[in-house]
Amino acid sequence: MRQPERIIRLKTVLSRTGLSRSTIYRKIAEGTFPAQLKISANGTGWHESDIDRWIADPVGWRPNREFDEVR
């Protein structure tokens, strides 16, 4: 059975990437870092797999468009 997708918060993303908070949000705006998900009224997080993909290839990372396809 496949494990459910984990959502990680900003503190974990900062620790895992070594980037600063401002750099993460700048890269999101540029489209070179995974965008966060709204998980509550005042909370956001990231899919752990998106962060893992970015860490594996930060220069070549592109958004995963599998959910954007028109069916």
PDB file of N, CA and C in Angstrom:
ATOM      1  N   MET A   1       0.835  -1.179   0.000  1.00  0.00           N
ATOM      2  CA  MET A   1       0.000   0.000   0.000  1.00  0.00           C
ATOM      3  C   MET A   1       0.886   1.251   0.000  1.00  0.00           C
ATOM      4  N   ARG A   2       0.551   2.202  -0.837  1.00  0.00           N
ATOM      5  CA  ARG A   2       1.327   3.430  -0.959  1.00  0.00           C
ATOM      6  C   ARG A   2       1.072   4.361   0.214  1.00  0.00           C
ATOM      7  N   GLN A   3       2.141   4.987   0.705  1.00  0.00           N
ATOM      8  CA  GLN A   3       2.022   5.941   1.805  1.00  0.00           C
ATOM      9  C   GLN A   3       1.377   7.231   1.293  1.00  0.00           C
ATOM     10  N   PRO A   4       0.539   7.873   2.106  1.00  0.00           N
ATOM     11  CA  PRO A   4      -0.051   9.150   1.685  1.00  0.00           C
ATOM     12  C   PRO A   4       1.024  10.225   1.559  1.00  0.00           C
ATOM     13  N   GLU A   5       0.767  11.185   0.720  1.00  0.00           N
ATOM     14  CA  GLU A   5       1.702  12.297   0.505  1.00  0.00           C
ATOM     15  C   GLU A   5       1.814  13.122   1.783  1.00  0.00           C
ATOM     16  N   ARG A   6       3.031  13.342   2.254  1.00  0.00           N
ATOM     17  CA  ARG A   6       3.253  14.160   3.449  1.00  0.00           C
ATOM     18  C   ARG A   6       3.297  15.632   3.081  1.00  0.00           C
ATOM     19  N   ILE A   7       2.749  16.452   3.954  1.00  0.00           N
ATOM     20  CA  ILE A   7       2.818  17.900   3.819  1.00  0.00           C
ATOM     21  C   ILE A   7       3.825  18.384   4.860  1.00  0.00           C
ATOM     22  N   ILE A   8       4.806  19.171   4.421  1.00  0.00           N
ATOM     23  CA  ILE A   8       5.799  19.696   5.349  1.00  0.00           C
ATOM     24  C   ILE A   8       5.659  21.210   5.430  1.00  0.00           C
ATOM     25  N   ARG A   9       6.001  21.747   6.584  1.00  0.00           N
ATOM     26  CA  ARG A   9       5.841  23.178   6.839  1.00  0.00           C
ATOM     27  C   ARG A   9       7.132  23.932   6.530  1.00  0.00           C
ATOM     28  N   LEU A  10       7.043  25.251   6.595  1.00  0.00           N
ATOM     29  CA  LEU A  10       8.150  26.128   6.215  1.00  0.00           C
ATOM     30  C   LEU A  10       9.436  25.822   6.986  1.00  0.00           C
ATOM     31  N   LYS A  11       9.342  25.596   8.277  1.00  0.00           N
ATOM     32  CA  LYS A  11      10.535  25.334   9.085  1.00  0.00           C
ATOM     33  C   LYS A  11      11.308  24.129   8.532  1.00  0.00           C
ATOM     34  N   THR A  12      10.597  23.095   8.134  1.00  0.00           N
ATOM     35  CA  THR A  12      11.233  21.900   7.575  1.00  0.00           C
ATOM     36  C   THR A  12      11.823  22.194   6.202  1.00  0.00           C
ATOM     37  N   VAL A  13      11.100  22.954   5.385  1.00  0.00           N
ATOM     38  CA  VAL A  13      11.596  23.319   4.051  1.00  0.00           C
ATOM     39  C   VAL A  13      12.879  24.140   4.176  1.00  0.00           C
ATOM     40  N   LEU A  14      12.896  25.086   5.096  1.00  0.00           N
ATOM     41  CA  LEU A  14      14.102  25.897   5.314  1.00  0.00           C
ATOM     42  C   LEU A  14      15.282  25.020   5.701  1.00  0.00           C
ATOM     43  N   SER A  15      15.035  24.092   6.604  1.00  0.00           N
ATOM     44  CA  SER A  15      16.097  23.196   7.068  1.00  0.00           C
ATOM     45  C   SER A  15      16.602  22.284   5.961  1.00  0.00           C
ATOM     46  N   ARG A  16      15.688  21.722   5.189  1.00  0.00           N
ATOM     47  CA  ARG A  16      16.076  20.757   4.154  1.00  0.00           C
ATOM     48  C   ARG A  16      16.758  21.414   2.967  1.00  0.00           C
ATOM     49  N   THR A  17      16.363  22.640   2.612  1.00  0.00           N
ATOM     50  CA  THR A  17      16.928  23.278   1.421  1.00  0.00           C
ATOM     51  C   THR A  17      18.139  24.148   1.721  1.00  0.00           C
ATOM     52  N   GLY A  18      18.220  24.672   2.922  1.00  0.00           N
ATOM     53  CA  GLY A  18      19.299  25.593   3.256  1.00  0.00           C
ATOM     54  C   GLY A  18      19.061  26.998   2.725  1.00  0.00           C
ATOM     55  N   LEU A  19      17.883  27.245   2.194  1.00  0.00           N
ATOM     56  CA  LEU A  19      17.540  28.563   1.673  1.00  0.00           C
ATOM     57  C   LEU A  19      16.920  29.415   2.772  1.00  0.00           C
ATOM     58  N   SER A  20      16.949  30.727   2.592  1.00  0.00           N
ATOM     59  CA  SER A  20      16.269  31.618   3.529  1.00  0.00           C
ATOM     60  C   SER A  20      14.798  31.722   3.138  1.00  0.00           C
ATOM     61  N   ARG A  21      13.999  32.205   4.069  1.00  0.00           N
ATOM     62  CA  ARG A  21      12.562  32.384   3.822  1.00  0.00           C
ATOM     63  C   ARG A  21      12.331  33.310   2.621  1.00  0.00           C
ATOM     64  N   SER A  22      13.046  34.431   2.590  1.00  0.00           N
ATOM     65  CA  SER A  22      12.849  35.384   1.494  1.00  0.00           C
ATOM     66  C   SER A  22      13.268  34.786   0.151  1.00  0.00           C
ATOM     67  N   THR A  23      14.313  33.987   0.139  1.00  0.00           N
ATOM     68  CA  THR A  23      14.747  33.342  -1.104  1.00  0.00           C
ATOM     69  C   THR A  23      13.703  32.346  -1.587  1.00  0.00           C
ATOM     70  N   ILE A  24      13.123  31.585  -0.684  1.00  0.00           N
ATOM     71  CA  ILE A  24      12.085  30.624  -1.075  1.00  0.00           C
ATOM     72  C   ILE A  24      10.919  31.356  -1.729  1.00  0.00           C
ATOM     73  N   TYR A  25      10.428  32.423  -1.103  1.00  0.00           N
ATOM     74  CA  TYR A  25       9.281  33.139  -1.668  1.00  0.00           C
ATOM     75  C   TYR A  25       9.634  33.862  -2.965  1.00  0.00           C
ATOM     76  N   ARG A  26      10.864  34.329  -3.103  1.00  0.00           N
ATOM     77  CA  ARG A  26      11.293  34.938  -4.377  1.00  0.00           C
ATOM     78  C   ARG A  26      11.308  33.887  -5.474  1.00  0.00           C
ATOM     79  N   LYS A  27      11.843  32.700  -5.158  1.00  0.00           N
ATOM     80  CA  LYS A  27      11.902  31.624  -6.149  1.00  0.00           C
ATOM     81  C   LYS A  27      10.503  31.134  -6.527  1.00  0.00           C
ATOM     82  N   ILE A  28       9.582  31.113  -5.579  1.00  0.00           N
ATOM     83  CA  ILE A  28       8.193  30.743  -5.898  1.00  0.00           C
ATOM     84  C   ILE A  28       7.635  31.741  -6.907  1.00  0.00           C
ATOM     85  N   ALA A  29       7.854  33.029  -6.664  1.00  0.00           N
ATOM     86  CA  ALA A  29       7.364  34.071  -7.573  1.00  0.00           C
ATOM     87  C   ALA A  29       7.987  33.942  -8.963  1.00  0.00           C
ATOM     88  N   GLU A  30       9.252  33.513  -9.022  1.00  0.00           N
ATOM     89  CA  GLU A  30       9.941  33.325 -10.309  1.00  0.00           C
ATOM     90  C   GLU A  30       9.525  32.030 -10.996  1.00  0.00           C
ATOM     91  N   GLY A  31       8.891  31.114 -10.259  1.00  0.00           N
ATOM     92  CA  GLY A  31       8.510  29.825 -10.828  1.00  0.00           C
ATOM     93  C   GLY A  31       9.628  28.797 -10.786  1.00  0.00           C
ATOM     94  N   THR A  32      10.628  29.021  -9.923  1.00  0.00           N
ATOM     95  CA  THR A  32      11.765  28.097  -9.849  1.00  0.00           C
ATOM     96  C   THR A  32      11.800  27.311  -8.540  1.00  0.00           C
ATOM     97  N   PHE A  33      10.698  27.321  -7.801  1.00  0.00           N
ATOM     98  CA  PHE A  33      10.583  26.565  -6.551  1.00  0.00           C
ATOM     99  C   PHE A  33       9.120  26.163  -6.405  1.00  0.00           C
ATOM    100  N   PRO A  34       8.857  24.986  -5.837  1.00  0.00           N
ATOM    101  CA  PRO A  34       7.464  24.550  -5.683  1.00  0.00           C
ATOM    102  C   PRO A  34       6.634  25.540  -4.865  1.00  0.00           C
ATOM    103  N   ALA A  35       5.431  25.795  -5.330  1.00  0.00           N
ATOM    104  CA  ALA A  35       4.517  26.682  -4.609  1.00  0.00           C
ATOM    105  C   ALA A  35       3.929  25.963  -3.407  1.00  0.00           C
ATOM    106  N   GLN A  36       3.594  26.737  -2.399  1.00  0.00           N
ATOM    107  CA  GLN A  36       3.004  26.156  -1.208  1.00  0.00           C
ATOM    108  C   GLN A  36       1.517  25.883  -1.415  1.00  0.00           C
ATOM    109  N   LEU A  37       0.980  25.031  -0.555  1.00  0.00           N
ATOM    110  CA  LEU A  37      -0.445  24.684  -0.563  1.00  0.00           C
ATOM    111  C   LEU A  37      -1.101  25.314   0.647  1.00  0.00           C
ATOM    112  N   LYS A  38      -2.313  25.777   0.482  1.00  0.00           N
ATOM    113  CA  LYS A  38      -3.059  26.281   1.627  1.00  0.00           C
ATOM    114  C   LYS A  38      -3.645  25.076   2.357  1.00  0.00           C
ATOM    115  N   ILE A  39      -3.290  24.904   3.637  1.00  0.00           N
ATOM    116  CA  ILE A  39      -3.753  23.735   4.376  1.00  0.00           C
ATOM    117  C   ILE A  39      -4.735  24.095   5.496  1.00  0.00           C
ATOM    118  N   SER A  40      -4.853  25.384   5.786  1.00  0.00           N
ATOM    119  CA  SER A  40      -5.837  25.861   6.754  1.00  0.00           C
ATOM    120  C   SER A  40      -6.030  27.353   6.507  1.00  0.00           C
ATOM    121  N   ALA A  41      -6.855  27.979   7.332  1.00  0.00           N
ATOM    122  CA  ALA A  41      -7.124  29.409   7.152  1.00  0.00           C
ATOM    123  C   ALA A  41      -5.842  30.240   7.200  1.00  0.00           C
ATOM    124  N   ASN A  42      -4.917  29.866   8.074  1.00  0.00           N
ATOM    125  CA  ASN A  42      -3.682  30.638   8.222  1.00  0.00           C
ATOM    126  C   ASN A  42      -2.428  29.815   8.003  1.00  0.00           C
ATOM    127  N   GLY A  43      -2.555  28.611   7.482  1.00  0.00           N
ATOM    128  CA  GLY A  43      -1.391  27.744   7.339  1.00  0.00           C
ATOM    129  C   GLY A  43      -1.144  27.292   5.919  1.00  0.00           C
ATOM    130  N   THR A  44       0.130  27.129   5.605  1.00  0.00           N
ATOM    131  CA  THR A  44       0.521  26.595   4.304  1.00  0.00           C
ATOM    132  C   THR A  44       1.573  25.521   4.510  1.00  0.00           C
ATOM    133  N   GLY A  45       1.777  24.733   3.485  1.00  0.00           N
ATOM    134  CA  GLY A  45       2.799  23.699   3.517  1.00  0.00           C
ATOM    135  C   GLY A  45       3.149  23.297   2.102  1.00  0.00           C
ATOM    136  N   TRP A  46       4.050  22.366   1.972  1.00  0.00           N
ATOM    137  CA  TRP A  46       4.503  21.875   0.677  1.00  0.00           C
ATOM    138  C   TRP A  46       4.398  20.367   0.635  1.00  0.00           C
ATOM    139  N   HIS A  47       4.136  19.809  -0.545  1.00  0.00           N
ATOM    140  CA  HIS A  47       4.222  18.360  -0.710  1.00  0.00           C
ATOM    141  C   HIS A  47       5.695  17.990  -0.554  1.00  0.00           C
ATOM    142  N   GLU A  48       5.966  17.019   0.281  1.00  0.00           N
ATOM    143  CA  GLU A  48       7.355  16.612   0.520  1.00  0.00           C
ATOM    144  C   GLU A  48       8.014  16.136  -0.770  1.00  0.00           C
ATOM    145  N   SER A  49       7.261  15.463  -1.626  1.00  0.00           N
ATOM    146  CA  SER A  49       7.831  14.967  -2.880  1.00  0.00           C
ATOM    147  C   SER A  49       8.267  16.113  -3.797  1.00  0.00           C
ATOM    148  N   ASP A  50       7.537  17.243  -3.785  1.00  0.00           N
ATOM    149  CA  ASP A  50       7.941  18.403  -4.591  1.00  0.00           C
ATOM    150  C   ASP A  50       9.269  18.975  -4.086  1.00  0.00           C
ATOM    151  N   ILE A  51       9.431  19.038  -2.781  1.00  0.00           N
ATOM    152  CA  ILE A  51      10.679  19.545  -2.208  1.00  0.00           C
ATOM    153  C   ILE A  51      11.813  18.567  -2.505  1.00  0.00           C
ATOM    154  N   ASP A  52      11.544  17.269  -2.409  1.00  0.00           N
ATOM    155  CA  ASP A  52      12.561  16.263  -2.731  1.00  0.00           C
ATOM    156  C   ASP A  52      13.009  16.385  -4.186  1.00  0.00           C
ATOM    157  N   ARG A  53      12.056  16.600  -5.105  1.00  0.00           N
ATOM    158  CA  ARG A  53      12.414  16.775  -6.519  1.00  0.00           C
ATOM    159  C   ARG A  53      13.262  18.019  -6.713  1.00  0.00           C
ATOM    160  N   TRP A  54      12.926  19.114  -6.014  1.00  0.00           N
ATOM    161  CA  TRP A  54      13.704  20.339  -6.143  1.00  0.00           C
ATOM    162  C   TRP A  54      15.121  20.136  -5.601  1.00  0.00           C
ATOM    163  N   ILE A  55      15.251  19.477  -4.454  1.00  0.00           N
ATOM    164  CA  ILE A  55      16.569  19.230  -3.856  1.00  0.00           C
ATOM    165  C   ILE A  55      17.428  18.378  -4.794  1.00  0.00           C
ATOM    166  N   ALA A  56      16.822  17.401  -5.469  1.00  0.00           N
ATOM    167  CA  ALA A  56      17.563  16.523  -6.372  1.00  0.00           C
ATOM    168  C   ALA A  56      18.102  17.277  -7.585  1.00  0.00           C
ATOM    169  N   ASP A  57      17.381  18.316  -8.041  1.00  0.00           N
ATOM    170  CA  ASP A  57      17.801  19.048  -9.237  1.00  0.00           C
ATOM    171  C   ASP A  57      17.292  20.489  -9.173  1.00  0.00           C
ATOM    172  N   PRO A  58      17.908  21.334  -8.346  1.00  0.00           N
ATOM    173  CA  PRO A  58      17.391  22.703  -8.192  1.00  0.00           C
ATOM    174  C   PRO A  58      17.466  23.543  -9.465  1.00  0.00           C
ATOM    175  N   VAL A  59      18.464  23.330 -10.289  1.00  0.00           N
ATOM    176  CA  VAL A  59      18.598  24.127 -11.511  1.00  0.00           C
ATOM    177  C   VAL A  59      17.602  23.681 -12.576  1.00  0.00           C
ATOM    178  N   GLY A  60      17.384  22.388 -12.684  1.00  0.00           N
ATOM    179  CA  GLY A  60      16.502  21.857 -13.722  1.00  0.00           C
ATOM    180  C   GLY A  60      15.068  21.650 -13.283  1.00  0.00           C
ATOM    181  N   TRP A  61      14.723  22.016 -12.037  1.00  0.00           N
ATOM    182  CA  TRP A  61      13.372  21.779 -11.533  1.00  0.00           C
ATOM    183  C   TRP A  61      12.345  22.589 -12.311  1.00  0.00           C
ATOM    184  N   ARG A  62      11.276  21.937 -12.664  1.00  0.00           N
ATOM    185  CA  ARG A  62      10.125  22.582 -13.298  1.00  0.00           C
ATOM    186  C   ARG A  62       8.870  22.068 -12.612  1.00  0.00           C
ATOM    187  N   PRO A  63       7.825  22.883 -12.551  1.00  0.00           N
ATOM    188  CA  PRO A  63       6.585  22.412 -11.916  1.00  0.00           C
ATOM    189  C   PRO A  63       6.069  21.151 -12.586  1.00  0.00           C
ATOM    190  N   ASN A  64       5.544  20.252 -11.778  1.00  0.00           N
ATOM    191  CA  ASN A  64       4.945  19.026 -12.282  1.00  0.00           C
ATOM    192  C   ASN A  64       3.554  19.363 -12.784  1.00  0.00           C
ATOM    193  N   ARG A  65       3.308  19.197 -14.058  1.00  0.00           N
ATOM    194  CA  ARG A  65       2.044  19.616 -14.672  1.00  0.00           C
ATOM    195  C   ARG A  65       1.039  18.492 -14.836  1.00  0.00           C
ATOM    196  N   GLU A  66       1.207  17.383 -14.110  1.00  0.00           N
ATOM    197  CA  GLU A  66       0.324  16.237 -14.314  1.00  0.00           C
ATOM    198  C   GLU A  66      -1.127  16.558 -14.008  1.00  0.00           C
ATOM    199  N   PHE A  67      -1.388  17.491 -13.084  1.00  0.00           N
ATOM    200  CA  PHE A  67      -2.762  17.815 -12.733  1.00  0.00           C
ATOM    201  C   PHE A  67      -3.335  18.928 -13.608  1.00  0.00           C
ATOM    202  N   ASP A  68      -2.493  19.566 -14.409  1.00  0.00           N
ATOM    203  CA  ASP A  68      -2.940  20.664 -15.249  1.00  0.00           C
ATOM    204  C   ASP A  68      -3.425  20.203 -16.625  1.00  0.00           C
ATOM    205  N   GLU A  69      -3.255  18.923 -16.922  1.00  0.00           N
ATOM    206  CA  GLU A  69      -3.642  18.423 -18.235  1.00  0.00           C
ATOM    207  C   GLU A  69      -5.148  18.438 -18.396  1.00  0.00           C
ATOM    208  N   VAL A  70      -5.610  18.822 -19.569  1.00  0.00           N
ATOM    209  CA  VAL A  70      -7.031  18.806 -19.876  1.00  0.00           C
ATOM    210  C   VAL A  70      -7.398  17.398 -20.301  1.00  0.00           C
ATOM    211  N   ARG A  71      -8.430  16.868 -19.711  1.00  0.00           N
ATOM    212  CA  ARG A  71      -8.847  15.487 -20.034  1.00  0.00           C
ATOM    213  C   ARG A  71     -10.159  15.489 -20.758  1.00  0.00           C
TER     214      ARG A  71
END
